């Protein structure tokens, strides 16, 4: 699932090098995918009124049903140091 999300996000952002997808398994049986992108790409990934983020979550939900496992998606900015 991590690779799928990385591939989808890759086509939506400008700075592909800044993409990082972390997987965190929760105690409640939900796996959280944290997608980190460059600050300039955060808005592109969220979209107007959250439409792109909602679409990403819908794709994740459809894949979750097939795998019989729950996933959650968080979009975060990569902090440059």
Protein backbone atom coordinates (compact mmCIF):
# COMPACT_ATOMS: atom_id res chain seq x y z
CA UNK A 1 0.00 0.00 0.00
CA UNK A 2 2.94 2.26 0.77
CA UNK A 3 4.30 1.89 -2.78
CA UNK A 4 0.86 2.54 -4.29
CA UNK A 5 0.49 5.80 -2.39
CA UNK A 6 4.04 6.86 -3.30
CA UNK A 7 3.37 6.25 -7.01
CA UNK A 8 0.10 8.20 -6.99
CA UNK A 9 1.61 11.14 -5.09
CA UNK A 10 4.59 11.20 -7.45
CA UNK A 11 2.33 12.28 -10.30
CA UNK A 12 0.66 15.04 -8.28
CA UNK A 13 3.66 16.97 -6.95
CA UNK A 14 6.57 18.89 -8.46
CA UNK A 15 9.35 17.88 -6.05
CA UNK A 16 9.42 14.09 -6.29
CA UNK A 17 12.61 13.87 -4.24
CA UNK A 18 10.82 15.22 -1.16
CA UNK A 19 8.16 12.48 -1.12
CA UNK A 20 8.31 10.09 1.80
CA UNK A 21 5.58 7.66 2.83
CA UNK A 22 5.83 6.21 6.34
CA UNK A 23 3.69 3.32 7.55
CA UNK A 24 2.62 3.17 11.21
CA UNK A 25 0.70 0.18 12.55
CA UNK A 26 -1.73 1.18 15.26
CA UNK A 27 -3.02 -0.92 18.16
CA UNK A 28 -6.56 -0.61 16.84
CA UNK A 29 -5.83 -2.52 13.62
CA UNK A 30 -5.55 0.62 11.51
CA UNK A 31 -2.38 1.30 9.54
CA UNK A 32 -1.64 5.00 9.10
CA UNK A 33 0.18 6.18 5.99
CA UNK A 34 1.97 9.47 6.64
CA UNK A 35 2.75 11.18 3.34
CA UNK A 36 5.47 13.82 3.59
CA UNK A 37 5.88 16.27 0.70
CA UNK A 38 7.68 19.58 0.13
CA UNK A 39 5.91 22.62 1.64
CA UNK A 40 5.27 23.96 -1.87
CA UNK A 41 3.45 20.74 -2.81
CA UNK A 42 1.23 20.38 0.25
CA UNK A 43 -1.55 22.48 -1.26
CA UNK A 44 -1.44 20.47 -4.49
CA UNK A 45 -1.87 17.25 -2.56
CA UNK A 46 -4.75 18.59 -0.48
CA UNK A 47 -6.48 20.32 -3.39
CA UNK A 48 -9.29 22.86 -3.42
CA UNK A 49 -11.51 22.28 -0.40
CA UNK A 50 -9.65 19.01 0.20
CA UNK A 51 -10.92 17.31 -2.95
CA UNK A 52 -7.60 15.71 -3.92
CA UNK A 53 -6.98 14.47 -0.37
CA UNK A 54 -10.53 13.08 -0.25
CA UNK A 55 -9.93 11.27 -3.55
CA UNK A 56 -6.69 9.77 -2.25
CA UNK A 57 -8.51 8.55 0.85
CA UNK A 58 -11.24 7.04 -1.34
CA UNK A 59 -8.65 5.09 -3.35
CA UNK A 60 -7.06 3.95 -0.09
CA UNK A 61 -10.46 2.88 1.21
CA UNK A 62 -11.23 0.85 -1.91
CA UNK A 63 -7.88 -0.94 -1.68
CA UNK A 64 -8.49 -1.50 2.05
CA UNK A 65 -11.69 -3.38 1.34
CA UNK A 66 -9.90 -5.74 -1.01
CA UNK A 67 -7.11 -6.37 1.54
CA UNK A 68 -9.51 -6.58 4.52
CA UNK A 69 -7.40 -4.09 6.44
CA UNK A 70 -8.07 -0.48 7.46
CA UNK A 71 -5.81 2.36 6.43
CA UNK A 72 -5.72 6.06 7.30
CA UNK A 73 -3.95 8.84 5.41
CA UNK A 74 -2.13 11.87 6.84
CA UNK A 75 -0.55 14.53 4.64
CA UNK A 76 2.39 16.39 6.15
CA UNK A 77 4.97 18.92 5.03
CA UNK A 78 8.59 17.86 5.02
CA UNK A 79 10.47 20.29 7.22
CA UNK A 80 13.67 21.36 5.52
CA UNK A 81 16.68 21.65 7.76
